[in-house]
Protein backbone atom coordinates (compact mmCIF):
# COMPACT_ATOMS: atom_id res chain seq x y z
CA UNK A 1 41.51 12.89 36.29
CA UNK A 2 44.94 11.26 36.08
CA UNK A 3 46.63 7.91 36.54
CA UNK A 4 50.16 8.11 37.96
CA UNK A 5 52.15 4.95 37.20
CA UNK A 6 55.21 4.63 39.43
CA UNK A 7 58.19 2.34 38.93
CA UNK A 8 57.76 -0.67 41.27
CA UNK A 9 61.55 -0.76 41.72
CA UNK A 10 61.64 2.80 43.03
CA UNK A 11 58.06 3.76 43.91
CA UNK A 12 59.17 6.72 46.03
CA UNK A 13 60.60 8.48 42.96
CA UNK A 14 57.70 10.70 41.90
CA UNK A 15 58.03 12.26 38.41
CA UNK A 16 57.96 16.06 38.38
CA UNK A 17 55.36 15.99 35.60
CA UNK A 18 52.90 14.60 38.14
CA UNK A 19 53.23 17.52 40.58
CA UNK A 20 50.11 19.43 39.42
CA UNK A 21 48.04 16.23 39.70
CA UNK A 22 49.01 15.66 43.33
CA UNK A 23 47.15 18.70 44.63
CA UNK A 24 43.76 17.00 44.50
CA UNK A 25 42.34 13.79 45.98
CA UNK A 26 44.58 10.72 45.66
CA UNK A 27 43.59 7.05 45.61
CA UNK A 28 45.90 4.05 45.42
CA UNK A 29 45.84 0.54 44.04
CA UNK A 30 46.43 -2.06 46.73
CA UNK A 31 50.10 -2.82 46.00
CA UNK A 32 51.35 0.77 46.38
CA UNK A 33 53.74 0.79 49.38
CA UNK A 34 52.80 2.60 52.57
CA UNK A 35 55.94 4.74 52.23
CA UNK A 36 54.56 6.25 49.03
CA UNK A 37 51.25 7.04 50.69
CA UNK A 38 53.05 8.72 53.55
CA UNK A 39 55.27 10.73 51.21
CA UNK A 40 52.26 11.92 49.28
CA UNK A 41 50.41 12.69 52.47
CA UNK A 42 47.82 9.98 51.87
CA UNK A 43 45.35 12.81 51.41
CA UNK A 44 42.61 10.64 49.92
CA UNK A 45 40.91 8.16 52.20
CA UNK A 46 37.85 7.58 50.04
CA UNK A 47 37.09 5.14 47.27
CA UNK A 48 36.18 7.95 44.90
CA UNK A 49 37.36 7.65 41.30
CA UNK A 50 37.83 11.41 41.09
CA UNK A 51 41.31 12.87 41.25
CA UNK A 52 44.56 10.98 40.72
CA UNK A 53 45.01 7.21 40.96
CA UNK A 54 48.51 6.20 42.05
CA UNK A 55 49.67 2.73 41.03
CA UNK A 56 52.76 0.63 40.35
CA UNK A 57 50.65 -1.89 38.41
CA UNK A 58 48.87 -0.53 35.34
CA UNK A 59 47.29 -3.97 34.82
CA UNK A 60 45.31 -3.55 38.05
CA UNK A 61 41.56 -3.71 37.22
CA UNK A 62 40.90 -0.26 38.67
CA UNK A 63 43.76 1.25 36.66
CA UNK A 64 42.67 -0.62 33.52
CA UNK A 65 39.12 0.70 33.83
CA UNK A 66 40.30 4.28 34.15
CA UNK A 67 42.82 3.91 31.33
CA UNK A 68 40.07 2.51 29.09
CA UNK A 69 37.97 5.54 29.97
CA UNK A 70 40.66 7.73 28.45
CA UNK A 71 42.12 9.29 31.57
CA UNK A 72 45.51 10.97 31.31
CA UNK A 73 48.41 8.65 32.19
CA UNK A 74 51.70 9.90 33.65
CA UNK A 75 54.47 7.30 33.92
CA UNK A 76 57.74 7.41 35.82
CA UNK A 77 60.45 7.96 33.15
CA UNK A 78 62.42 4.98 34.45
CA UNK A 79 59.66 2.67 33.17
CA UNK A 80 60.96 3.32 29.64
CA UNK A 81 64.21 1.50 30.57
CA UNK A 82 64.68 -1.34 28.02
CA UNK A 83 66.31 -3.56 30.65
CA UNK A 84 63.24 -3.21 32.85
CA UNK A 85 61.06 -4.25 29.91
CA UNK A 86 63.36 -7.18 29.14
CA UNK A 87 63.07 -8.44 32.72
CA UNK A 88 59.30 -7.98 32.67
CA UNK A 89 58.97 -9.93 29.41
CA UNK A 90 61.13 -12.75 30.75
CA UNK A 91 59.11 -12.86 33.98
CA UNK A 92 55.86 -13.05 31.99
CA UNK A 93 57.27 -15.76 29.74
CA UNK A 94 58.31 -17.84 32.75
CA UNK A 95 54.87 -17.32 34.30
CA UNK A 96 52.67 -18.04 31.29
CA UNK A 97 54.64 -20.21 28.87
CA UNK A 98 54.41 -23.94 29.52
CA UNK A 99 57.78 -24.55 27.86
CA UNK A 100 59.50 -21.76 29.80
CA UNK A 101 58.00 -22.97 33.07
CA UNK A 102 59.51 -26.43 32.53
CA UNK A 103 63.08 -25.23 31.97
CA UNK A 104 65.93 -25.51 34.45
CA UNK A 105 69.52 -24.29 34.45
CA UNK A 106 70.51 -27.73 33.15
CA UNK A 107 67.97 -27.96 30.32
CA UNK A 108 69.00 -24.52 29.06
CA UNK A 109 72.67 -25.47 28.63
CA UNK A 110 72.20 -26.60 25.02
CA UNK A 111 70.60 -23.26 24.10
CA UNK A 112 73.33 -21.31 25.87
CA UNK A 113 75.95 -23.25 23.92
CA UNK A 114 74.03 -22.72 20.68
CA UNK A 115 73.58 -18.99 21.16
CA UNK A 116 77.20 -18.52 22.25
CA UNK A 117 78.34 -20.36 19.13
CA UNK A 118 76.17 -18.22 16.86
CA UNK A 119 77.54 -15.04 18.43
CA UNK A 120 81.12 -16.28 17.95
CA UNK A 121 80.33 -17.13 14.33
CA UNK A 122 78.87 -13.65 13.72
CA UNK A 123 82.00 -12.04 15.13
CA UNK A 124 84.46 -14.27 13.30
CA UNK A 125 82.69 -13.85 9.98
CA UNK A 126 82.21 -10.08 10.36
CA UNK A 127 78.42 -10.19 10.13
CA UNK A 128 76.61 -6.83 9.86
CA UNK A 129 76.00 -4.88 13.07
CA UNK A 130 72.28 -5.74 13.02
CA UNK A 131 73.16 -9.42 13.00
CA UNK A 132 75.65 -8.94 15.84
CA UNK A 133 73.00 -7.08 17.83
CA UNK A 134 70.52 -9.93 17.29
CA UNK A 135 73.01 -12.55 18.45
CA UNK A 136 73.85 -10.50 21.54
CA UNK A 137 70.13 -10.22 22.34
CA UNK A 138 69.82 -14.00 22.05
CA UNK A 139 72.64 -14.39 24.55
CA UNK A 140 71.02 -11.78 26.83
CA UNK A 141 67.83 -13.84 26.73
CA UNK A 142 69.80 -16.73 28.20
CA UNK A 143 71.20 -14.55 30.99
CA UNK A 144 67.72 -13.21 31.78
CA UNK A 145 66.28 -16.74 31.73
CA UNK A 146 68.84 -18.14 34.16
CA UNK A 147 68.45 -15.11 36.44
CA UNK A 148 64.65 -15.49 36.44
CA UNK A 149 64.92 -19.18 37.33
CA UNK A 150 67.27 -18.28 40.19
CA UNK A 151 64.95 -15.49 41.31
CA UNK A 152 61.99 -17.88 41.55
CA UNK A 153 63.87 -20.00 44.08
CA UNK A 154 64.99 -16.93 46.04
CA UNK A 155 68.67 -17.21 45.10
CA UNK A 156 69.38 -14.01 43.15
CA UNK A 157 67.87 -11.78 40.46
CA UNK A 158 69.05 -10.09 37.28
CA UNK A 159 69.92 -6.85 39.15
CA UNK A 160 72.03 -8.99 41.49
CA UNK A 161 73.90 -10.34 38.46
CA UNK A 162 74.51 -6.77 37.28
CA UNK A 163 75.72 -5.80 40.75
CA UNK A 164 78.08 -8.79 40.79
CA UNK A 165 79.62 -7.46 37.56
CA UNK A 166 80.10 -4.01 39.10
CA UNK A 167 81.61 -5.55 42.25
CA UNK A 168 84.02 -7.62 40.15
CA UNK A 169 85.14 -4.56 38.19
CA UNK A 170 85.51 -2.54 41.40
CA UNK A 171 87.84 -5.21 42.75
CA UNK A 172 89.80 -5.90 39.56
CA UNK A 173 89.79 -2.45 37.93
CA UNK A 174 89.72 0.03 40.84
CA UNK A 175 90.83 2.89 38.58
CA UNK A 176 87.31 2.92 37.13
CA UNK A 177 85.94 3.98 40.53
CA UNK A 178 88.60 6.18 42.14
CA UNK A 179 87.88 9.35 40.18
CA UNK A 180 91.11 9.15 38.18
CA UNK A 181 91.28 9.79 34.45
CA UNK A 182 93.55 8.89 31.57
CA UNK A 183 94.75 5.67 29.98
CA UNK A 184 95.80 2.84 32.29
CA UNK A 185 98.78 0.88 30.87
CA UNK A 186 98.13 -2.76 30.06
CA UNK A 187 100.80 -4.02 32.47
CA UNK A 188 99.06 -2.10 35.29
CA UNK A 189 95.69 -3.52 34.26
CA UNK A 190 97.14 -7.05 34.24
CA UNK A 191 98.63 -6.54 37.72
CA UNK A 192 95.42 -5.17 39.22
CA UNK A 193 93.30 -7.84 37.57
CA UNK A 194 95.54 -10.61 38.87
CA UNK A 195 95.57 -9.14 42.39
CA UNK A 196 91.79 -8.79 42.33
CA UNK A 197 91.34 -12.39 41.25
CA UNK A 198 93.64 -13.53 44.03
CA UNK A 199 91.65 -11.58 46.62
CA UNK A 200 88.42 -13.12 45.37
CA UNK A 201 89.90 -16.61 45.55
CA UNK A 202 91.21 -16.08 49.09
CA UNK A 203 87.88 -14.71 50.31
CA UNK A 204 85.79 -17.54 48.83
């Protein structure tokens, strides 16, 4: 008996390691999308606990019971992504922490200023790499926090912020996306960056 834990971001991506476990009866936790059930053939229509349980939520009571019983767990490799864990931790903090729940973009400004200042200090004073990494993680916490607040009101999410960065670079540094190689001279970078900024301003 096996528990297959899929990535909720990409539930249709089935890990190859799970292939042998998909030959027998399959059951699903409630949140598993219909598309996954169709792709897997939805070959189990019973409530039996035999066979493989497919889930995107290992905290589901059914999954927890089977995990506690010592069943084999196969996870989608993408679940090991540290950025996914960072977002999950921030989401949990915003859900369960009274202090985090009370914060707004405005109330977090002082912490953003503080963390930015500490990062600048670490750079200017040539702190060890471990210290620099810590300060960068503190700044990332702020980015995750603001993105989670925005996500709760339906504005945008952390992946949207990442996509905005990629879009900006595509517009201002097109040589990173056109398949070309080699060093781009600074004067050419400056020209492209300035033209990209101008396009963004005109389209806003």
